[in-house]
């Protein structure tokens, strides 16, 4: 029987994000491309939720069948992930302190 461990510093939102990110790696790629495009145009900062809206709109216009949805709760997790993985984008998104930080 598998034991389940509860880690208080891992939030339910983090777990949901991890699952979504694992199942939809193209979202990270699209956010990364948009971020680098903005950086190349001279933007020093930008809102990750704005990028979410751009991706949602493009997906709504180009997909058929099941509706693709981006959960706004995932936006801060993507912002932190992108800035942690991409040194050129460090500080590109403004983030707030999360309760577990």
PDB file of N, CA and C in Angstrom:
ATOM      1  N   UNK A   1       0.842  -1.175   0.000  1.00  0.00           N
ATOM      2  CA  UNK A   1       0.000   0.000   0.000  1.00  0.00           C
ATOM      3  C   UNK A   1       0.889   1.242   0.000  1.00  0.00           C
ATOM      4  N   UNK A   2       0.578   2.184  -0.889  1.00  0.00           N
ATOM      5  CA  UNK A   2       1.342   3.420  -0.966  1.00  0.00           C
ATOM      6  C   UNK A   2       0.960   4.342   0.172  1.00  0.00           C
ATOM      7  N   UNK A   3       1.969   4.904   0.795  1.00  0.00           N
ATOM      8  CA  UNK A   3       1.722   5.903   1.828  1.00  0.00           C
ATOM      9  C   UNK A   3       1.655   7.268   1.172  1.00  0.00           C
ATOM     10  N   UNK A   4       0.799   8.114   1.676  1.00  0.00           N
ATOM     11  CA  UNK A   4       0.729   9.483   1.190  1.00  0.00           C
ATOM     12  C   UNK A   4       1.326  10.390   2.246  1.00  0.00           C
ATOM     13  N   UNK A   5       2.157  11.286   1.788  1.00  0.00           N
ATOM     14  CA  UNK A   5       2.790  12.239   2.684  1.00  0.00           C
ATOM     15  C   UNK A   5       2.217  13.615   2.403  1.00  0.00           C
ATOM     16  N   UNK A   6       2.035  14.370   3.437  1.00  0.00           N
ATOM     17  CA  UNK A   6       1.542  15.726   3.296  1.00  0.00           C
ATOM     18  C   UNK A   6       2.675  16.691   3.616  1.00  0.00           C
ATOM     19  N   UNK A   7       3.027  17.502   2.645  1.00  0.00           N
ATOM     20  CA  UNK A   7       4.054  18.507   2.835  1.00  0.00           C
ATOM     21  C   UNK A   7       3.359  19.856   2.919  1.00  0.00           C
ATOM     22  N   UNK A   8       3.363  20.502   4.081  1.00  0.00           N
ATOM     23  CA  UNK A   8       2.609  21.748   4.236  1.00  0.00           C
ATOM     24  C   UNK A   8       3.075  22.869   3.327  1.00  0.00           C
ATOM     25  N   UNK A   9       4.321  22.821   2.860  1.00  0.00           N
ATOM     26  CA  UNK A   9       4.823  23.897   2.016  1.00  0.00           C
ATOM     27  C   UNK A   9       4.465  23.704   0.547  1.00  0.00           C
ATOM     28  N   UNK A  10       3.871  22.575   0.204  1.00  0.00           N
ATOM     29  CA  UNK A  10       3.416  22.356  -1.167  1.00  0.00           C
ATOM     30  C   UNK A  10       1.908  22.601  -1.188  1.00  0.00           C
ATOM     31  N   UNK A  11       1.509  23.645  -1.851  1.00  0.00           N
ATOM     32  CA  UNK A  11       0.098  24.013  -1.858  1.00  0.00           C
ATOM     33  C   UNK A  11      -0.676  23.195  -2.881  1.00  0.00           C
ATOM     34  N   UNK A  12      -1.977  23.195  -2.695  1.00  0.00           N
ATOM     35  CA  UNK A  12      -2.879  22.542  -3.651  1.00  0.00           C
ATOM     36  C   UNK A  12      -2.713  23.181  -5.035  1.00  0.00           C
ATOM     37  N   UNK A  13      -2.548  24.514  -5.059  1.00  0.00           N
ATOM     38  CA  UNK A  13      -2.353  25.213  -6.334  1.00  0.00           C
ATOM     39  C   UNK A  13      -1.073  24.759  -7.031  1.00  0.00           C
ATOM     40  N   UNK A  14      -0.005  24.544  -6.271  1.00  0.00           N
ATOM     41  CA  UNK A  14       1.258  24.069  -6.839  1.00  0.00           C
ATOM     42  C   UNK A  14       1.078  22.693  -7.462  1.00  0.00           C
ATOM     43  N   UNK A  15       0.372  21.820  -6.771  1.00  0.00           N
ATOM     44  CA  UNK A  15       0.135  20.469  -7.277  1.00  0.00           C
ATOM     45  C   UNK A  15      -0.680  20.527  -8.565  1.00  0.00           C
ATOM     46  N   UNK A  16      -1.715  21.367  -8.597  1.00  0.00           N
ATOM     47  CA  UNK A  16      -2.531  21.512  -9.803  1.00  0.00           C
ATOM     48  C   UNK A  16      -1.705  22.076 -10.952  1.00  0.00           C
ATOM     49  N   UNK A  17      -0.858  23.067 -10.644  1.00  0.00           N
ATOM     50  CA  UNK A  17       0.012  23.624 -11.674  1.00  0.00           C
ATOM     51  C   UNK A  17       0.958  22.565 -12.221  1.00  0.00           C
ATOM     52  N   UNK A  18       1.602  21.813 -11.336  1.00  0.00           N
ATOM     53  CA  UNK A  18       2.555  20.790 -11.774  1.00  0.00           C
ATOM     54  C   UNK A  18       1.898  19.798 -12.728  1.00  0.00           C
ATOM     55  N   UNK A  19       0.688  19.396 -12.403  1.00  0.00           N
ATOM     56  CA  UNK A  19      -0.030  18.451 -13.270  1.00  0.00           C
ATOM     57  C   UNK A  19      -0.360  19.088 -14.623  1.00  0.00           C
ATOM     58  N   UNK A  20      -0.868  20.323 -14.601  1.00  0.00           N
ATOM     59  CA  UNK A  20      -1.203  21.011 -15.843  1.00  0.00           C
ATOM     60  C   UNK A  20       0.043  21.216 -16.704  1.00  0.00           C
ATOM     61  N   UNK A  21       1.109  21.670 -16.086  1.00  0.00           N
ATOM     62  CA  UNK A  21       2.358  21.921 -16.818  1.00  0.00           C
ATOM     63  C   UNK A  21       2.890  20.628 -17.446  1.00  0.00           C
ATOM     64  N   UNK A  22       2.819  19.550 -16.704  1.00  0.00           N
ATOM     65  CA  UNK A  22       3.275  18.253 -17.225  1.00  0.00           C
ATOM     66  C   UNK A  22       2.447  17.824 -18.444  1.00  0.00           C
ATOM     67  N   UNK A  23       1.142  18.064 -18.385  1.00  0.00           N
ATOM     68  CA  UNK A  23       0.239  17.624 -19.451  1.00  0.00           C
ATOM     69  C   UNK A  23       0.156  18.605 -20.615  1.00  0.00           C
ATOM     70  N   UNK A  24       0.657  19.823 -20.440  1.00  0.00           N
ATOM     71  CA  UNK A  24       0.544  20.861 -21.475  1.00  0.00           C
ATOM     72  C   UNK A  24       1.860  21.626 -21.634  1.00  0.00           C
ATOM     73  N   UNK A  25       2.940  20.952 -22.003  1.00  0.00           N
ATOM     74  CA  UNK A  25       4.243  21.630 -22.087  1.00  0.00           C
ATOM     75  C   UNK A  25       4.281  22.749 -23.126  1.00  0.00           C
ATOM     76  N   UNK A  26       3.357  22.734 -24.071  1.00  0.00           N
ATOM     77  CA  UNK A  26       3.332  23.773 -25.102  1.00  0.00           C
ATOM     78  C   UNK A  26       2.984  25.138 -24.524  1.00  0.00           C
ATOM     79  N   UNK A  27       2.275  25.170 -23.407  1.00  0.00           N
ATOM     80  CA  UNK A  27       1.932  26.454 -22.787  1.00  0.00           C
ATOM     81  C   UNK A  27       3.210  27.161 -22.332  1.00  0.00           C
ATOM     82  N   UNK A  28       4.111  26.435 -21.695  1.00  0.00           N
ATOM     83  CA  UNK A  28       5.390  27.009 -21.272  1.00  0.00           C
ATOM     84  C   UNK A  28       6.145  27.536 -22.497  1.00  0.00           C
ATOM     85  N   UNK A  29       6.187  26.743 -23.544  1.00  0.00           N
ATOM     86  CA  UNK A  29       6.904  27.148 -24.762  1.00  0.00           C
ATOM     87  C   UNK A  29       6.320  28.422 -25.356  1.00  0.00           C
ATOM     88  N   UNK A  30       4.998  28.514 -25.379  1.00  0.00           N
ATOM     89  CA  UNK A  30       4.354  29.710 -25.922  1.00  0.00           C
ATOM     90  C   UNK A  30       4.621  30.924 -25.045  1.00  0.00           C
ATOM     91  N   UNK A  31       4.535  30.765 -23.736  1.00  0.00           N
ATOM     92  CA  UNK A  31       4.834  31.869 -22.828  1.00  0.00           C
ATOM     93  C   UNK A  31       6.280  32.324 -22.982  1.00  0.00           C
ATOM     94  N   UNK A  32       7.171  31.373 -23.118  1.00  0.00           N
ATOM     95  CA  UNK A  32       8.590  31.690 -23.281  1.00  0.00           C
ATOM     96  C   UNK A  32       8.830  32.480 -24.562  1.00  0.00           C
ATOM     97  N   UNK A  33       8.225  32.042 -25.659  1.00  0.00           N
ATOM     98  CA  UNK A  33       8.398  32.743 -26.928  1.00  0.00           C
ATOM     99  C   UNK A  33       7.876  34.170 -26.839  1.00  0.00           C
ATOM    100  N   UNK A  34       6.673  34.336 -26.294  1.00  0.00           N
ATOM    101  CA  UNK A  34       6.112  35.678 -26.158  1.00  0.00           C
ATOM    102  C   UNK A  34       6.985  36.559 -25.264  1.00  0.00           C
ATOM    103  N   UNK A  35       7.503  35.980 -24.200  1.00  0.00           N
ATOM    104  CA  UNK A  35       8.358  36.737 -23.278  1.00  0.00           C
ATOM    105  C   UNK A  35       9.634  37.206 -23.967  1.00  0.00           C
ATOM    106  N   UNK A  36      10.283  36.304 -24.693  1.00  0.00           N
ATOM    107  CA  UNK A  36      11.513  36.689 -25.395  1.00  0.00           C
ATOM    108  C   UNK A  36      11.229  37.693 -26.511  1.00  0.00           C
ATOM    109  N   UNK A  37      10.072  37.553 -27.179  1.00  0.00           N
ATOM    110  CA  UNK A  37       9.702  38.537 -28.205  1.00  0.00           C
ATOM    111  C   UNK A  37       9.564  39.928 -27.592  1.00  0.00           C
ATOM    112  N   UNK A  38       8.908  40.007 -26.439  1.00  0.00           N
ATOM    113  CA  UNK A  38       8.747  41.298 -25.761  1.00  0.00           C
ATOM    114  C   UNK A  38      10.083  41.856 -25.295  1.00  0.00           C
ATOM    115  N   UNK A  39      10.911  40.988 -24.768  1.00  0.00           N
ATOM    116  CA  UNK A  39      12.248  41.403 -24.302  1.00  0.00           C
ATOM    117  C   UNK A  39      13.052  41.965 -25.475  1.00  0.00           C
ATOM    118  N   UNK A  40      12.960  41.302 -26.626  1.00  0.00           N
ATOM    119  CA  UNK A  40      13.679  41.752 -27.816  1.00  0.00           C
ATOM    120  C   UNK A  40      13.171  43.108 -28.304  1.00  0.00           C
ATOM    121  N   UNK A  41      11.915  43.418 -28.018  1.00  0.00           N
ATOM    122  CA  UNK A  41      11.337  44.712 -28.402  1.00  0.00           C
ATOM    123  C   UNK A  41      11.645  45.796 -27.374  1.00  0.00           C
ATOM    124  N   UNK A  42      12.412  45.441 -26.346  1.00  0.00           N
ATOM    125  CA  UNK A  42      12.836  46.428 -25.373  1.00  0.00           C
ATOM    126  C   UNK A  42      12.020  46.485 -24.099  1.00  0.00           C
ATOM    127  N   UNK A  43      11.071  45.591 -23.937  1.00  0.00           N
ATOM    128  CA  UNK A  43      10.277  45.589 -22.707  1.00  0.00           C
ATOM    129  C   UNK A  43      11.103  45.007 -21.575  1.00  0.00           C
ATOM    130  N   UNK A  44      11.166  45.713 -20.477  1.00  0.00           N
ATOM    131  CA  UNK A  44      11.912  45.248 -19.312  1.00  0.00           C
ATOM    132  C   UNK A  44      11.067  44.422 -18.365  1.00  0.00           C
ATOM    133  N   UNK A  45       9.760  44.672 -18.405  1.00  0.00           N
ATOM    134  CA  UNK A  45       8.810  43.950 -17.559  1.00  0.00           C
ATOM    135  C   UNK A  45       7.512  43.780 -18.341  1.00  0.00           C
ATOM    136  N   UNK A  46       6.770  42.754 -17.954  1.00  0.00           N
ATOM    137  CA  UNK A  46       5.465  42.535 -18.584  1.00  0.00           C
ATOM    138  C   UNK A  46       4.632  41.667 -17.666  1.00  0.00           C
ATOM    139  N   UNK A  47       3.324  41.694 -17.848  1.00  0.00           N
ATOM    140  CA  UNK A  47       2.418  40.913 -17.019  1.00  0.00           C
ATOM    141  C   UNK A  47       2.152  39.537 -17.596  1.00  0.00           C
ATOM    142  N   UNK A  48       2.408  38.519 -16.816  1.00  0.00           N
ATOM    143  CA  UNK A  48       2.214  37.158 -17.288  1.00  0.00           C
ATOM    144  C   UNK A  48       0.743  36.882 -17.585  1.00  0.00           C
ATOM    145  N   UNK A  49      -0.162  37.509 -16.864  1.00  0.00           N
ATOM    146  CA  UNK A  49      -1.591  37.280 -17.139  1.00  0.00           C
ATOM    147  C   UNK A  49      -1.983  37.823 -18.511  1.00  0.00           C
ATOM    148  N   UNK A  50      -1.337  38.889 -18.951  1.00  0.00           N
ATOM    149  CA  UNK A  50      -1.589  39.398 -20.302  1.00  0.00           C
ATOM    150  C   UNK A  50      -1.175  38.360 -21.340  1.00  0.00           C
ATOM    151  N   UNK A  51      -0.069  37.715 -21.095  1.00  0.00           N
ATOM    152  CA  UNK A  51       0.391  36.669 -22.016  1.00  0.00           C
ATOM    153  C   UNK A  51      -0.567  35.484 -22.007  1.00  0.00           C
ATOM    154  N   UNK A  52      -1.119  35.171 -20.842  1.00  0.00           N
ATOM    155  CA  UNK A  52      -2.124  34.111 -20.739  1.00  0.00           C
ATOM    156  C   UNK A  52      -3.311  34.426 -21.642  1.00  0.00           C
ATOM    157  N   UNK A  53      -3.748  35.685 -21.629  1.00  0.00           N
ATOM    158  CA  UNK A  53      -4.901  36.084 -22.442  1.00  0.00           C
ATOM    159  C   UNK A  53      -4.590  35.953 -23.930  1.00  0.00           C
ATOM    160  N   UNK A  54      -3.387  36.299 -24.314  1.00  0.00           N
ATOM    161  CA  UNK A  54      -2.979  36.161 -25.718  1.00  0.00           C
ATOM    162  C   UNK A  54      -3.033  34.696 -26.137  1.00  0.00           C
ATOM    163  N   UNK A  55      -2.477  33.823 -25.330  1.00  0.00           N
ATOM    164  CA  UNK A  55      -2.476  32.393 -25.646  1.00  0.00           C
ATOM    165  C   UNK A  55      -3.902  31.863 -25.695  1.00  0.00           C
ATOM    166  N   UNK A  56      -4.733  32.259 -24.739  1.00  0.00           N
ATOM    167  CA  UNK A  56      -6.123  31.807 -24.725  1.00  0.00           C
ATOM    168  C   UNK A  56      -6.854  32.227 -25.991  1.00  0.00           C
ATOM    169  N   UNK A  57      -6.642  33.466 -26.403  1.00  0.00           N
ATOM    170  CA  UNK A  57      -7.302  33.955 -27.603  1.00  0.00           C
ATOM    171  C   UNK A  57      -6.856  33.175 -28.834  1.00  0.00           C
ATOM    172  N   UNK A  58      -5.552  32.983 -28.973  1.00  0.00           N
ATOM    173  CA  UNK A  58      -5.042  32.233 -30.127  1.00  0.00           C
ATOM    174  C   UNK A  58      -5.582  30.808 -30.143  1.00  0.00           C
ATOM    175  N   UNK A  59      -5.623  30.186 -28.983  1.00  0.00           N
ATOM    176  CA  UNK A  59      -6.143  28.819 -28.893  1.00  0.00           C
ATOM    177  C   UNK A  59      -7.624  28.768 -29.251  1.00  0.00           C
ATOM    178  N   UNK A  60      -8.397  29.741 -28.778  1.00  0.00           N
ATOM    179  CA  UNK A  60      -9.832  29.772 -29.067  1.00  0.00           C
ATOM    180  C   UNK A  60     -10.080  29.933 -30.564  1.00  0.00           C
ATOM    181  N   UNK A  61      -9.205  30.673 -31.227  1.00  0.00           N
ATOM    182  CA  UNK A  61      -9.370  30.920 -32.657  1.00  0.00           C
ATOM    183  C   UNK A  61      -8.881  29.763 -33.513  1.00  0.00           C
ATOM    184  N   UNK A  62      -7.999  28.922 -32.978  1.00  0.00           N
ATOM    185  CA  UNK A  62      -7.363  27.918 -33.832  1.00  0.00           C
ATOM    186  C   UNK A  62      -7.709  26.466 -33.504  1.00  0.00           C
ATOM    187  N   UNK A  63      -8.421  26.217 -32.416  1.00  0.00           N
ATOM    188  CA  UNK A  63      -8.700  24.833 -32.051  1.00  0.00           C
ATOM    189  C   UNK A  63     -10.166  24.502 -32.270  1.00  0.00           C
ATOM    190  N   UNK A  64     -10.418  23.237 -32.460  1.00  0.00           N
ATOM    191  CA  UNK A  64     -11.778  22.729 -32.613  1.00  0.00           C
ATOM    192  C   UNK A  64     -11.984  21.665 -31.551  1.00  0.00           C
ATOM    193  N   UNK A  65     -13.225  21.420 -31.217  1.00  0.00           N
ATOM    194  CA  UNK A  65     -13.501  20.389 -30.226  1.00  0.00           C
ATOM    195  C   UNK A  65     -13.498  20.964 -28.827  1.00  0.00           C
ATOM    196  N   UNK A  66     -12.909  20.218 -27.900  1.00  0.00           N
ATOM    197  CA  UNK A  66     -12.896  20.632 -26.495  1.00  0.00           C
ATOM    198  C   UNK A  66     -12.253  22.001 -26.333  1.00  0.00           C
ATOM    199  N   UNK A  67     -12.854  22.787 -25.475  1.00  0.00           N
ATOM    200  CA  UNK A  67     -12.340  24.126 -25.207  1.00  0.00           C
ATOM    201  C   UNK A  67     -11.058  24.040 -24.390  1.00  0.00           C
ATOM    202  N   UNK A  68     -10.030  24.728 -24.851  1.00  0.00           N
ATOM    203  CA  UNK A  68      -8.767  24.796 -24.128  1.00  0.00           C
ATOM    204  C   UNK A  68      -8.880  25.908 -23.103  1.00  0.00           C
ATOM    205  N   UNK A  69      -8.559  25.616 -21.859  1.00  0.00           N
ATOM    206  CA  UNK A  69      -8.665  26.623 -20.808  1.00  0.00           C
ATOM    207  C   UNK A  69      -7.348  26.754 -20.067  1.00  0.00           C
ATOM    208  N   UNK A  70      -6.978  27.988 -19.815  1.00  0.00           N
ATOM    209  CA  UNK A  70      -5.828  28.287 -18.962  1.00  0.00           C
ATOM    210  C   UNK A  70      -6.379  28.808 -17.640  1.00  0.00           C
ATOM    211  N   UNK A  71      -5.967  28.206 -16.565  1.00  0.00           N
ATOM    212  CA  UNK A  71      -6.393  28.624 -15.242  1.00  0.00           C
ATOM    213  C   UNK A  71      -5.505  29.783 -14.804  1.00  0.00           C
ATOM    214  N   UNK A  72      -6.117  30.920 -14.496  1.00  0.00           N
ATOM    215  CA  UNK A  72      -5.333  32.087 -14.072  1.00  0.00           C
ATOM    216  C   UNK A  72      -4.512  31.818 -12.819  1.00  0.00           C
ATOM    217  N   UNK A  73      -4.906  30.818 -12.035  1.00  0.00           N
ATOM    218  CA  UNK A  73      -4.114  30.465 -10.853  1.00  0.00           C
ATOM    219  C   UNK A  73      -2.725  29.966 -11.224  1.00  0.00           C
ATOM    220  N   UNK A  74      -2.557  29.505 -12.465  1.00  0.00           N
ATOM    221  CA  UNK A  74      -1.261  28.980 -12.897  1.00  0.00           C
ATOM    222  C   UNK A  74      -0.277  30.083 -13.293  1.00  0.00           C
ATOM    223  N   UNK A  75      -0.785  31.268 -13.566  1.00  0.00           N
ATOM    224  CA  UNK A  75       0.066  32.355 -14.067  1.00  0.00           C
ATOM    225  C   UNK A  75       1.273  32.640 -13.174  1.00  0.00           C
ATOM    226  N   UNK A  76       1.103  32.802 -11.858  1.00  0.00           N
ATOM    227  CA  UNK A  76       2.289  33.109 -11.043  1.00  0.00           C
ATOM    228  C   UNK A  76       3.304  31.975 -11.016  1.00  0.00           C
ATOM    229  N   UNK A  77       2.833  30.751 -11.143  1.00  0.00           N
ATOM    230  CA  UNK A  77       3.754  29.616 -11.166  1.00  0.00           C
ATOM    231  C   UNK A  77       4.571  29.615 -12.457  1.00  0.00           C
ATOM    232  N   UNK A  78       3.908  29.939 -13.581  1.00  0.00           N
ATOM    233  CA  UNK A  78       4.651  30.047 -14.843  1.00  0.00           C
ATOM    234  C   UNK A  78       5.650  31.198 -14.780  1.00  0.00           C
ATOM    235  N   UNK A  79       5.253  32.319 -14.214  1.00  0.00           N
ATOM    236  CA  UNK A  79       6.165  33.465 -14.115  1.00  0.00           C
ATOM    237  C   UNK A  79       7.426  33.073 -13.349  1.00  0.00           C
ATOM    238  N   UNK A  80       7.250  32.422 -12.211  1.00  0.00           N
ATOM    239  CA  UNK A  80       8.403  32.019 -11.394  1.00  0.00           C
ATOM    240  C   UNK A  80       9.260  30.974 -12.117  1.00  0.00           C
ATOM    241  N   UNK A  81       8.599  30.024 -12.774  1.00  0.00           N
ATOM    242  CA  UNK A  81       9.323  28.968 -13.482  1.00  0.00           C
ATOM    243  C   UNK A  81      10.166  29.555 -14.618  1.00  0.00           C
ATOM    244  N   UNK A  82       9.563  30.431 -15.396  1.00  0.00           N
ATOM    245  CA  UNK A  82      10.291  31.052 -16.511  1.00  0.00           C
ATOM    246  C   UNK A  82      11.477  31.857 -15.995  1.00  0.00           C
ATOM    247  N   UNK A  83      11.273  32.666 -14.976  1.00  0.00           N
ATOM    248  CA  UNK A  83      12.374  33.491 -14.465  1.00  0.00           C
ATOM    249  C   UNK A  83      13.467  32.650 -13.815  1.00  0.00           C
ATOM    250  N   UNK A  84      13.099  31.503 -13.244  1.00  0.00           N
ATOM    251  CA  UNK A  84      14.101  30.620 -12.632  1.00  0.00           C
ATOM    252  C   UNK A  84      14.925  29.889 -13.687  1.00  0.00           C
ATOM    253  N   UNK A  85      14.284  29.520 -14.785  1.00  0.00           N
ATOM    254  CA  UNK A  85      14.970  28.748 -15.831  1.00  0.00           C
ATOM    255  C   UNK A  85      15.713  29.610 -16.847  1.00  0.00           C
ATOM    256  N   UNK A  86      15.273  30.830 -17.028  1.00  0.00           N
ATOM    257  CA  UNK A  86      15.815  31.688 -18.082  1.00  0.00           C
ATOM    258  C   UNK A  86      16.466  32.925 -17.471  1.00  0.00           C
ATOM    259  N   UNK A  87      17.783  32.914 -17.300  1.00  0.00           N
ATOM    260  CA  UNK A  87      18.462  34.051 -16.669  1.00  0.00           C
ATOM    261  C   UNK A  87      18.186  35.396 -17.351  1.00  0.00           C
ATOM    262  N   UNK A  88      17.989  35.391 -18.661  1.00  0.00           N
ATOM    263  CA  UNK A  88      17.733  36.645 -19.379  1.00  0.00           C
ATOM    264  C   UNK A  88      16.380  37.244 -19.014  1.00  0.00           C
ATOM    265  N   UNK A  89      15.494  36.425 -18.450  1.00  0.00           N
ATOM    266  CA  UNK A  89      14.161  36.893 -18.089  1.00  0.00           C
ATOM    267  C   UNK A  89      13.984  37.076 -16.579  1.00  0.00           C
ATOM    268  N   UNK A  90      15.076  36.981 -15.844  1.00  0.00           N
ATOM    269  CA  UNK A  90      14.999  37.190 -14.399  1.00  0.00           C
ATOM    270  C   UNK A  90      14.460  38.590 -14.120  1.00  0.00           C
ATOM    271  N   UNK A  91      13.422  38.663 -13.310  1.00  0.00           N
ATOM    272  CA  UNK A  91      12.808  39.939 -12.974  1.00  0.00           C
ATOM    273  C   UNK A  91      11.845  40.477 -14.013  1.00  0.00           C
ATOM    274  N   UNK A  92      11.599  39.736 -15.075  1.00  0.00           N
ATOM    275  CA  UNK A  92      10.720  40.191 -16.159  1.00  0.00           C
ATOM    276  C   UNK A  92       9.267  40.304 -15.707  1.00  0.00           C
ATOM    277  N   UNK A  93       8.855  39.391 -14.848  1.00  0.00           N
ATOM    278  CA  UNK A  93       7.494  39.401 -14.315  1.00  0.00           C
ATOM    279  C   UNK A  93       7.522  39.846 -12.859  1.00  0.00           C
ATOM    280  N   UNK A  94       6.516  40.623 -12.480  1.00  0.00           N
ATOM    281  CA  UNK A  94       6.378  40.994 -11.077  1.00  0.00           C
ATOM    282  C   UNK A  94       5.624  39.871 -10.369  1.00  0.00           C
ATOM    283  N   UNK A  95       6.139  39.466  -9.226  1.00  0.00           N
ATOM    284  CA  UNK A  95       5.473  38.418  -8.456  1.00  0.00           C
ATOM    285  C   UNK A  95       5.245  38.909  -7.037  1.00  0.00           C
ATOM    286  N   UNK A  96       4.260  38.327  -6.418  1.00  0.00           N
ATOM    287  CA  UNK A  96       3.979  38.622  -5.013  1.00  0.00           C
ATOM    288  C   UNK A  96       4.420  37.435  -4.176  1.00  0.00           C
ATOM    289  N   UNK A  97       4.662  37.693  -2.927  1.00  0.00           N
ATOM    290  CA  UNK A  97       5.039  36.605  -2.028  1.00  0.00           C
ATOM    291  C   UNK A  97       3.831  35.717  -1.807  1.00  0.00           C
ATOM    292  N   UNK A  98       4.051  34.415  -1.970  1.00  0.00           N
ATOM    293  CA  UNK A  98       2.984  33.465  -1.705  1.00  0.00           C
ATOM    294  C   UNK A  98       3.015  33.097  -0.241  1.00  0.00           C
ATOM    295  N   UNK A  99       1.908  32.621   0.273  1.00  0.00           N
ATOM    296  CA  UNK A  99       1.792  32.324   1.698  1.00  0.00           C
ATOM    297  C   UNK A  99       2.853  31.354   2.193  1.00  0.00           C
ATOM    298  N   UNK A 100       3.228  30.390   1.383  1.00  0.00           N
ATOM    299  CA  UNK A 100       4.194  29.384   1.832  1.00  0.00           C
ATOM    300  C   UNK A 100       5.637  29.829   1.676  1.00  0.00           C
ATOM    301  N   UNK A 101       5.885  30.990   1.041  1.00  0.00           N
ATOM    302  CA  UNK A 101       7.261  31.454   0.838  1.00  0.00           C
ATOM    303  C   UNK A 101       7.787  32.135   2.086  1.00  0.00           C
TER     304      UNK A 101
END
